[in-house]
Amino acid sequence: MTAIERNAVVGVSLALDGLKDLGTQLPPDLD
């Protein structure tokens, strides 16, 4: 795996973690 590929994988993982964090902060009644 090249450094660029590794950075892309890490970036995607961080982005998904960030989305999950945002999702847990939203009130559940906003469906």
PDB file of N, CA and C in Angstrom:
ATOM      1  N   MET A   1       0.849  -1.201   0.000  1.00  0.00           N
ATOM      2  CA  MET A   1       0.000   0.000   0.000  1.00  0.00           C
ATOM      3  C   MET A   1       0.880   1.245   0.000  1.00  0.00           C
ATOM      4  N   THR A   2       0.553   2.197  -0.848  1.00  0.00           N
ATOM      5  CA  THR A   2       1.355   3.415  -0.891  1.00  0.00           C
ATOM      6  C   THR A   2       0.915   4.361   0.219  1.00  0.00           C
ATOM      7  N   ALA A   3       1.725   5.373   0.487  1.00  0.00           N
ATOM      8  CA  ALA A   3       1.408   6.333   1.539  1.00  0.00           C
ATOM      9  C   ALA A   3       0.113   7.065   1.215  1.00  0.00           C
ATOM     10  N   ILE A   4      -0.101   7.366  -0.060  1.00  0.00           N
ATOM     11  CA  ILE A   4      -1.327   8.090  -0.456  1.00  0.00           C
ATOM     12  C   ILE A   4      -2.551   7.229  -0.160  1.00  0.00           C
ATOM     13  N   GLU A   5      -2.477   5.959  -0.497  1.00  0.00           N
ATOM     14  CA  GLU A   5      -3.606   5.053  -0.232  1.00  0.00           C
ATOM     15  C   GLU A   5      -3.872   4.955   1.265  1.00  0.00           C
ATOM     16  N   ARG A   6      -2.793   4.882   2.042  1.00  0.00           N
ATOM     17  CA  ARG A   6      -2.960   4.766   3.491  1.00  0.00           C
ATOM     18  C   ARG A   6      -3.621   6.022   4.040  1.00  0.00           C
ATOM     19  N   ASN A   7      -3.193   7.187   3.552  1.00  0.00           N
ATOM     20  CA  ASN A   7      -3.795   8.447   3.997  1.00  0.00           C
ATOM     21  C   ASN A   7      -5.271   8.503   3.625  1.00  0.00           C
ATOM     22  N   ALA A   8      -5.619   8.011   2.445  1.00  0.00           N
ATOM     23  CA  ALA A   8      -7.018   8.019   2.008  1.00  0.00           C
ATOM     24  C   ALA A   8      -7.862   7.137   2.926  1.00  0.00           C
ATOM     25  N   VAL A   9      -7.345   5.965   3.269  1.00  0.00           N
ATOM     26  CA  VAL A   9      -8.085   5.051   4.154  1.00  0.00           C
ATOM     27  C   VAL A   9      -8.279   5.691   5.522  1.00  0.00           C
ATOM     28  N   VAL A  10      -7.223   6.316   6.039  1.00  0.00           N
ATOM     29  CA  VAL A  10      -7.317   6.966   7.350  1.00  0.00           C
ATOM     30  C   VAL A  10      -8.314   8.120   7.283  1.00  0.00           C
ATOM     31  N   GLY A  11      -8.279   8.888   6.203  1.00  0.00           N
ATOM     32  CA  GLY A  11      -9.193  10.012   6.053  1.00  0.00           C
ATOM     33  C   GLY A  11     -10.639   9.559   6.024  1.00  0.00           C
ATOM     34  N   VAL A  12     -10.909   8.489   5.304  1.00  0.00           N
ATOM     35  CA  VAL A  12     -12.285   7.972   5.235  1.00  0.00           C
ATOM     36  C   VAL A  12     -12.731   7.481   6.611  1.00  0.00           C
ATOM     37  N   SER A  13     -11.843   6.790   7.304  1.00  0.00           N
ATOM     38  CA  SER A  13     -12.184   6.285   8.637  1.00  0.00           C
ATOM     39  C   SER A  13     -12.503   7.439   9.579  1.00  0.00           C
ATOM     40  N   LEU A  14     -11.679   8.496   9.529  1.00  0.00           N
ATOM     41  CA  LEU A  14     -11.921   9.654  10.387  1.00  0.00           C
ATOM     42  C   LEU A  14     -13.231  10.328  10.023  1.00  0.00           C
ATOM     43  N   ALA A  15     -13.511  10.436   8.733  1.00  0.00           N
ATOM     44  CA  ALA A  15     -14.758  11.077   8.300  1.00  0.00           C
ATOM     45  C   ALA A  15     -15.961  10.281   8.797  1.00  0.00           C
ATOM     46  N   LEU A  16     -15.901   8.948   8.694  1.00  0.00           N
ATOM     47  CA  LEU A  16     -17.015   8.119   9.165  1.00  0.00           C
ATOM     48  C   LEU A  16     -17.182   8.255  10.675  1.00  0.00           C
ATOM     49  N   ASP A  17     -16.072   8.300  11.405  1.00  0.00           N
ATOM     50  CA  ASP A  17     -16.156   8.484  12.856  1.00  0.00           C
ATOM     51  C   ASP A  17     -16.792   9.824  13.182  1.00  0.00           C
ATOM     52  N   GLY A  18     -16.426  10.863  12.430  1.00  0.00           N
ATOM     53  CA  GLY A  18     -17.001  12.183  12.658  1.00  0.00           C
ATOM     54  C   GLY A  18     -18.496  12.189  12.409  1.00  0.00           C
ATOM     55  N   LEU A  19     -18.929  11.502  11.348  1.00  0.00           N
ATOM     56  CA  LEU A  19     -20.367  11.437  11.045  1.00  0.00           C
ATOM     57  C   LEU A  19     -21.114  10.711  12.155  1.00  0.00           C
ATOM     58  N   LYS A  20     -20.503   9.634  12.662  1.00  0.00           N
ATOM     59  CA  LYS A  20     -21.145   8.888  13.751  1.00  0.00           C
ATOM     60  C   LYS A  20     -21.269   9.777  14.986  1.00  0.00           C
ATOM     61  N   ASP A  21     -20.228  10.562  15.277  1.00  0.00           N
ATOM     62  CA  ASP A  21     -20.277  11.462  16.430  1.00  0.00           C
ATOM     63  C   ASP A  21     -21.392  12.490  16.254  1.00  0.00           C
ATOM     64  N   LEU A  22     -21.511  13.047  15.050  1.00  0.00           N
ATOM     65  CA  LEU A  22     -22.585  14.010  14.801  1.00  0.00           C
ATOM     66  C   LEU A  22     -23.945  13.357  14.995  1.00  0.00           C
ATOM     67  N   GLY A  23     -24.084  12.144  14.504  1.00  0.00           N
ATOM     68  CA  GLY A  23     -25.352  11.440  14.613  1.00  0.00           C
ATOM     69  C   GLY A  23     -25.757  11.210  16.064  1.00  0.00           C
ATOM     70  N   THR A  24     -24.782  10.940  16.923  1.00  0.00           N
ATOM     71  CA  THR A  24     -25.119  10.664  18.320  1.00  0.00           C
ATOM     72  C   THR A  24     -25.460  11.955  19.052  1.00  0.00           C
ATOM     73  N   GLN A  25     -25.048  13.107  18.538  1.00  0.00           N
ATOM     74  CA  GLN A  25     -25.329  14.376  19.206  1.00  0.00           C
ATOM     75  C   GLN A  25     -26.698  14.937  18.830  1.00  0.00           C
ATOM     76  N   LEU A  26     -27.273  14.441  17.738  1.00  0.00           N
ATOM     77  CA  LEU A  26     -28.580  14.950  17.316  1.00  0.00           C
ATOM     78  C   LEU A  26     -29.687  14.393  18.201  1.00  0.00           C
ATOM     79  N   PRO A  27     -30.695  15.210  18.505  1.00  0.00           N
ATOM     80  CA  PRO A  27     -31.851  14.690  19.248  1.00  0.00           C
ATOM     81  C   PRO A  27     -32.532  13.593  18.434  1.00  0.00           C
ATOM     82  N   PRO A  28     -32.965  12.511  19.071  1.00  0.00           N
ATOM     83  CA  PRO A  28     -33.541  11.380  18.335  1.00  0.00           C
ATOM     84  C   PRO A  28     -34.884  11.698  17.693  1.00  0.00           C
ATOM     85  N   ASP A  29     -35.519  12.797  18.059  1.00  0.00           N
ATOM     86  CA  ASP A  29     -36.859  13.091  17.524  1.00  0.00           C
ATOM     87  C   ASP A  29     -36.805  13.902  16.236  1.00  0.00           C
ATOM     88  N   LEU A  30     -35.624  14.008  15.618  1.00  0.00           N
ATOM     89  CA  LEU A  30     -35.507  14.782  14.376  1.00  0.00           C
ATOM     90  C   LEU A  30     -35.678  13.908  13.141  1.00  0.00           C
ATOM     91  N   ASP A  31     -36.319  12.771  13.280  1.00  0.00           N
ATOM     92  CA  ASP A  31     -36.576  11.939  12.104  1.00  0.00           C
ATOM     93  C   ASP A  31     -37.485  12.704  11.171  1.00  0.00           C
TER      94      ASP A  31
END
